[in-house]
Amino acid sequence: MPPVSAPPSPVPYLPRRGERYRLVVPNAATAPKIVRDFVATVLWAAEHPHLVDDARLCVSEVVSNAYCHTGSPQIRVEVTVNHRQVTVYVTDDDPGSTPRPRTAVRPDRDERGRGLLLVDGLAARWGTTAYGARSPHSKTVWFTLSAASAAHPSA
């Protein structure tokens, strides 16, 4: 029988050792800035200053999507960080609005729709996870930034 390979699981790597930080914000216009500042503070404290700019941009895009495209009353954010990487999870209570990157963006016409393309370009990996099996009740958009790739951008 020939070997069978399966695509990688959409669940991110969870470090066995590391620190986890959580924040819950109202789904309001101020949420992206508050979460951006929270994530930046965590990364500065965890001695990952080289990841701060990419993390701020990625989390801003993901939280902005939750604000603009869901009716969730709250946005929950979890940051897991260790010496190798940081993974940011953004959870809302609207599983029906699964984000997908646009395949074609016209710079002369499209003012929106570039956020997940940015996340895809900056993150080592990213994805979405719905919770609730047959009756989903929430979803998480997550991304991982690697300390190694940020320290050596040519890799």
C-alpha atoms as a PDB file:
ATOM      1  CA  MET A   1       0.000   0.000   0.000  1.00  0.00           C
ATOM      2  CA  PRO A   2       1.457   3.425  -0.932  1.00  0.00           C
ATOM      3  CA  PRO A   3       2.073   5.901   1.886  1.00  0.00           C
ATOM      4  CA  VAL A   4      -0.663   8.434   2.482  1.00  0.00           C
ATOM      5  CA  SER A   5       0.079  11.942   3.595  1.00  0.00           C
ATOM      6  CA  ALA A   6      -2.434  14.274   5.167  1.00  0.00           C
ATOM      7  CA  PRO A   7      -2.362  18.050   5.062  1.00  0.00           C
ATOM      8  CA  PRO A   8      -1.087  19.730   8.213  1.00  0.00           C
ATOM      9  CA  SER A   9      -3.573  20.302  10.973  1.00  0.00           C
ATOM     10  CA  PRO A  10      -4.937  23.863  11.200  1.00  0.00           C
ATOM     11  CA  VAL A  11      -4.249  23.905  14.933  1.00  0.00           C
ATOM     12  CA  PRO A  12      -1.123  25.910  15.784  1.00  0.00           C
ATOM     13  CA  TYR A  13       1.805  24.579  17.709  1.00  0.00           C
ATOM     14  CA  LEU A  14       1.279  25.230  21.399  1.00  0.00           C
ATOM     15  CA  PRO A  15       4.569  25.532  23.243  1.00  0.00           C
ATOM     16  CA  ARG A  16       4.919  23.303  26.281  1.00  0.00           C
ATOM     17  CA  ARG A  17       6.821  26.035  28.034  1.00  0.00           C
ATOM     18  CA  GLY A  18       5.922  29.629  27.720  1.00  0.00           C
ATOM     19  CA  GLU A  19       3.781  32.351  29.078  1.00  0.00           C
ATOM     20  CA  ARG A  20       0.141  33.047  28.244  1.00  0.00           C
ATOM     21  CA  TYR A  21      -1.542  36.404  28.500  1.00  0.00           C
ATOM     22  CA  ARG A  22      -5.250  37.089  28.012  1.00  0.00           C
ATOM     23  CA  LEU A  23      -7.307  40.179  27.294  1.00  0.00           C
ATOM     24  CA  VAL A  24     -11.030  40.636  26.674  1.00  0.00           C
ATOM     25  CA  VAL A  25     -12.189  43.819  24.949  1.00  0.00           C
ATOM     26  CA  PRO A  26     -15.587  45.053  23.806  1.00  0.00           C
ATOM     27  CA  ASN A  27     -16.133  44.724  20.075  1.00  0.00           C
ATOM     28  CA  ALA A  28     -15.743  48.441  19.477  1.00  0.00           C
ATOM     29  CA  ALA A  29     -13.797  50.769  17.215  1.00  0.00           C
ATOM     30  CA  THR A  30     -11.127  51.098  19.926  1.00  0.00           C
ATOM     31  CA  ALA A  31     -10.471  47.330  20.092  1.00  0.00           C
ATOM     32  CA  PRO A  32      -7.703  47.172  17.444  1.00  0.00           C
ATOM     33  CA  LYS A  33      -5.610  49.863  19.159  1.00  0.00           C
ATOM     34  CA  ILE A  34      -6.089  48.413  22.637  1.00  0.00           C
ATOM     35  CA  VAL A  35      -5.136  44.909  21.478  1.00  0.00           C
ATOM     36  CA  ARG A  36      -2.193  46.230  19.414  1.00  0.00           C
ATOM     37  CA  ASP A  37      -0.785  47.967  22.480  1.00  0.00           C
ATOM     38  CA  PHE A  38      -1.400  44.906  24.669  1.00  0.00           C
ATOM     39  CA  VAL A  39       0.448  42.578  22.275  1.00  0.00           C
ATOM     40  CA  ALA A  40       3.332  45.046  21.885  1.00  0.00           C
ATOM     41  CA  THR A  41       3.700  45.316  25.657  1.00  0.00           C
ATOM     42  CA  VAL A  42       3.771  41.528  26.035  1.00  0.00           C
ATOM     43  CA  LEU A  43       6.451  41.196  23.345  1.00  0.00           C
ATOM     44  CA  TRP A  44       8.615  43.963  24.776  1.00  0.00           C
ATOM     45  CA  ALA A  45       8.399  42.350  28.224  1.00  0.00           C
ATOM     46  CA  ALA A  46       9.166  38.909  26.739  1.00  0.00           C
ATOM     47  CA  GLU A  47      12.257  40.346  25.037  1.00  0.00           C
ATOM     48  CA  HIS A  48      10.993  39.958  21.467  1.00  0.00           C
ATOM     49  CA  PRO A  49      11.330  43.568  20.249  1.00  0.00           C
ATOM     50  CA  HIS A  50      12.046  42.332  16.700  1.00  0.00           C
ATOM     51  CA  LEU A  51       8.527  40.820  16.541  1.00  0.00           C
ATOM     52  CA  VAL A  52       6.639  43.871  17.803  1.00  0.00           C
ATOM     53  CA  ASP A  53       5.973  45.617  14.475  1.00  0.00           C
ATOM     54  CA  ASP A  54       4.817  42.475  12.659  1.00  0.00           C
ATOM     55  CA  ALA A  55       2.682  41.397  15.623  1.00  0.00           C
ATOM     56  CA  ARG A  56       1.054  44.829  15.908  1.00  0.00           C
ATOM     57  CA  LEU A  57       0.182  44.827  12.210  1.00  0.00           C
ATOM     58  CA  CYS A  58      -1.142  41.248  12.171  1.00  0.00           C
ATOM     59  CA  VAL A  59      -3.228  41.567  15.329  1.00  0.00           C
ATOM     60  CA  SER A  60      -4.612  44.898  14.176  1.00  0.00           C
ATOM     61  CA  GLU A  61      -5.827  43.317  10.940  1.00  0.00           C
ATOM     62  CA  VAL A  62      -7.382  40.295  12.655  1.00  0.00           C
ATOM     63  CA  VAL A  63      -9.123  42.348  15.367  1.00  0.00           C
ATOM     64  CA  SER A  64     -10.309  44.881  12.783  1.00  0.00           C
ATOM     65  CA  ASN A  65     -11.878  41.998  10.842  1.00  0.00           C
ATOM     66  CA  ALA A  66     -13.706  40.861  13.978  1.00  0.00           C
ATOM     67  CA  TYR A  67     -14.920  44.409  14.607  1.00  0.00           C
ATOM     68  CA  CYS A  68     -16.028  45.055  11.017  1.00  0.00           C
ATOM     69  CA  HIS A  69     -17.476  41.662  10.124  1.00  0.00           C
ATOM     70  CA  THR A  70     -18.976  40.133  13.275  1.00  0.00           C
ATOM     71  CA  GLY A  71     -21.716  40.941  15.716  1.00  0.00           C
ATOM     72  CA  SER A  72     -19.776  39.452  18.609  1.00  0.00           C
ATOM     73  CA  PRO A  73     -20.130  41.553  21.778  1.00  0.00           C
ATOM     74  CA  GLN A  74     -16.561  40.788  22.873  1.00  0.00           C
ATOM     75  CA  ILE A  75     -13.218  39.915  21.351  1.00  0.00           C
ATOM     76  CA  ARG A  76     -10.961  37.635  23.356  1.00  0.00           C
ATOM     77  CA  VAL A  77      -7.221  37.673  22.788  1.00  0.00           C
ATOM     78  CA  GLU A  78      -4.634  35.217  24.022  1.00  0.00           C
ATOM     79  CA  VAL A  79      -0.906  35.592  23.463  1.00  0.00           C
ATOM     80  CA  THR A  80       1.374  32.604  24.005  1.00  0.00           C
ATOM     81  CA  VAL A  81       5.055  33.458  23.945  1.00  0.00           C
ATOM     82  CA  ASN A  82       8.300  31.591  24.502  1.00  0.00           C
ATOM     83  CA  HIS A  83      11.887  32.091  23.364  1.00  0.00           C
ATOM     84  CA  ARG A  84      11.172  30.696  19.852  1.00  0.00           C
ATOM     85  CA  GLN A  85       7.850  32.208  18.847  1.00  0.00           C
ATOM     86  CA  VAL A  86       4.683  34.067  19.675  1.00  0.00           C
ATOM     87  CA  THR A  87       1.199  32.854  18.808  1.00  0.00           C
ATOM     88  CA  VAL A  88      -1.753  35.232  18.992  1.00  0.00           C
ATOM     89  CA  TYR A  89      -5.328  33.929  19.129  1.00  0.00           C
ATOM     90  CA  VAL A  90      -8.263  36.269  18.452  1.00  0.00           C
ATOM     91  CA  THR A  91     -11.654  34.750  19.305  1.00  0.00           C
ATOM     92  CA  ASP A  92     -15.133  36.107  18.593  1.00  0.00           C
ATOM     93  CA  ASP A  93     -18.649  34.695  18.942  1.00  0.00           C
ATOM     94  CA  ASP A  94     -19.556  34.728  15.241  1.00  0.00           C
ATOM     95  CA  PRO A  95     -18.481  31.410  13.698  1.00  0.00           C
ATOM     96  CA  GLY A  96     -20.331  32.116  10.450  1.00  0.00           C
ATOM     97  CA  SER A  97     -17.947  34.801   9.274  1.00  0.00           C
ATOM     98  CA  THR A  98     -14.817  32.759   8.588  1.00  0.00           C
ATOM     99  CA  PRO A  99     -12.162  35.084   7.176  1.00  0.00           C
ATOM    100  CA  ARG A 100     -10.413  34.213   3.950  1.00  0.00           C
ATOM    101  CA  PRO A 101      -7.683  36.146   2.173  1.00  0.00           C
ATOM    102  CA  ARG A 102      -8.755  37.733  -1.075  1.00  0.00           C
ATOM    103  CA  THR A 103      -7.251  36.177  -4.158  1.00  0.00           C
ATOM    104  CA  ALA A 104      -7.166  39.370  -6.188  1.00  0.00           C
ATOM    105  CA  VAL A 105      -6.873  42.900  -4.893  1.00  0.00           C
ATOM    106  CA  ARG A 106      -6.902  45.809  -7.305  1.00  0.00           C
ATOM    107  CA  PRO A 107      -4.760  48.603  -5.835  1.00  0.00           C
ATOM    108  CA  ASP A 108      -6.491  51.267  -7.903  1.00  0.00           C
ATOM    109  CA  ARG A 109      -9.989  50.279  -6.694  1.00  0.00           C
ATOM    110  CA  ASP A 110      -9.920  48.152  -3.556  1.00  0.00           C
ATOM    111  CA  GLU A 111      -9.340  50.124  -0.379  1.00  0.00           C
ATOM    112  CA  ARG A 112     -10.069  47.134   1.859  1.00  0.00           C
ATOM    113  CA  GLY A 113      -9.368  43.426   1.819  1.00  0.00           C
ATOM    114  CA  ARG A 114      -5.602  43.302   2.225  1.00  0.00           C
ATOM    115  CA  GLY A 115      -5.431  42.394   5.927  1.00  0.00           C
ATOM    116  CA  LEU A 116      -5.208  38.632   5.679  1.00  0.00           C
ATOM    117  CA  LEU A 117      -2.772  38.923   2.776  1.00  0.00           C
ATOM    118  CA  LEU A 118      -0.519  40.871   5.159  1.00  0.00           C
ATOM    119  CA  VAL A 119      -0.957  38.268   7.885  1.00  0.00           C
ATOM    120  CA  ASP A 120      -0.186  35.504   5.385  1.00  0.00           C
ATOM    121  CA  GLY A 121       2.991  37.286   4.306  1.00  0.00           C
ATOM    122  CA  LEU A 122       4.276  38.043   7.812  1.00  0.00           C
ATOM    123  CA  ALA A 123       3.266  34.998   9.854  1.00  0.00           C
ATOM    124  CA  ALA A 124       5.147  31.711   9.905  1.00  0.00           C
ATOM    125  CA  ARG A 125       1.667  30.145   9.877  1.00  0.00           C
ATOM    126  CA  TRP A 126      -1.914  31.179  10.535  1.00  0.00           C
ATOM    127  CA  GLY A 127      -5.395  29.742  10.404  1.00  0.00           C
ATOM    128  CA  THR A 128      -8.895  29.639  11.813  1.00  0.00           C
ATOM    129  CA  THR A 129     -10.590  27.238  14.186  1.00  0.00           C
ATOM    130  CA  ALA A 130     -14.360  26.993  14.782  1.00  0.00           C
ATOM    131  CA  TYR A 131     -15.648  25.740  18.131  1.00  0.00           C
ATOM    132  CA  GLY A 132     -18.874  23.895  18.757  1.00  0.00           C
ATOM    133  CA  ALA A 133     -18.802  20.977  16.260  1.00  0.00           C
ATOM    134  CA  ARG A 134     -22.212  20.754  14.573  1.00  0.00           C
ATOM    135  CA  SER A 135     -23.455  23.970  16.142  1.00  0.00           C
ATOM    136  CA  PRO A 136     -20.455  26.296  16.118  1.00  0.00           C
ATOM    137  CA  HIS A 137     -20.597  29.055  18.693  1.00  0.00           C
ATOM    138  CA  SER A 138     -17.277  30.837  18.200  1.00  0.00           C
ATOM    139  CA  LYS A 139     -14.157  30.968  16.084  1.00  0.00           C
ATOM    140  CA  THR A 140     -10.522  31.820  16.566  1.00  0.00           C
ATOM    141  CA  VAL A 141      -8.172  33.349  14.044  1.00  0.00           C
ATOM    142  CA  TRP A 142      -4.581  32.693  15.074  1.00  0.00           C
ATOM    143  CA  PHE A 143      -1.124  33.450  13.761  1.00  0.00           C
ATOM    144  CA  THR A 144       2.395  32.527  14.776  1.00  0.00           C
ATOM    145  CA  LEU A 145       5.443  34.715  14.387  1.00  0.00           C
ATOM    146  CA  SER A 146       8.803  33.020  14.671  1.00  0.00           C
ATOM    147  CA  ALA A 147      11.722  34.635  16.448  1.00  0.00           C
ATOM    148  CA  ALA A 148      14.159  32.853  14.105  1.00  0.00           C
ATOM    149  CA  SER A 149      12.602  34.160  10.882  1.00  0.00           C
ATOM    150  CA  ALA A 150      12.308  37.678  12.279  1.00  0.00           C
ATOM    151  CA  ALA A 151      15.937  37.654  13.388  1.00  0.00           C
ATOM    152  CA  HIS A 152      17.060  36.365   9.972  1.00  0.00           C
ATOM    153  CA  PRO A 153      14.685  37.872   7.362  1.00  0.00           C
ATOM    154  CA  SER A 154      16.651  36.395   4.463  1.00  0.00           C
ATOM    155  CA  ALA A 155      15.896  32.832   5.641  1.00  0.00           C
END
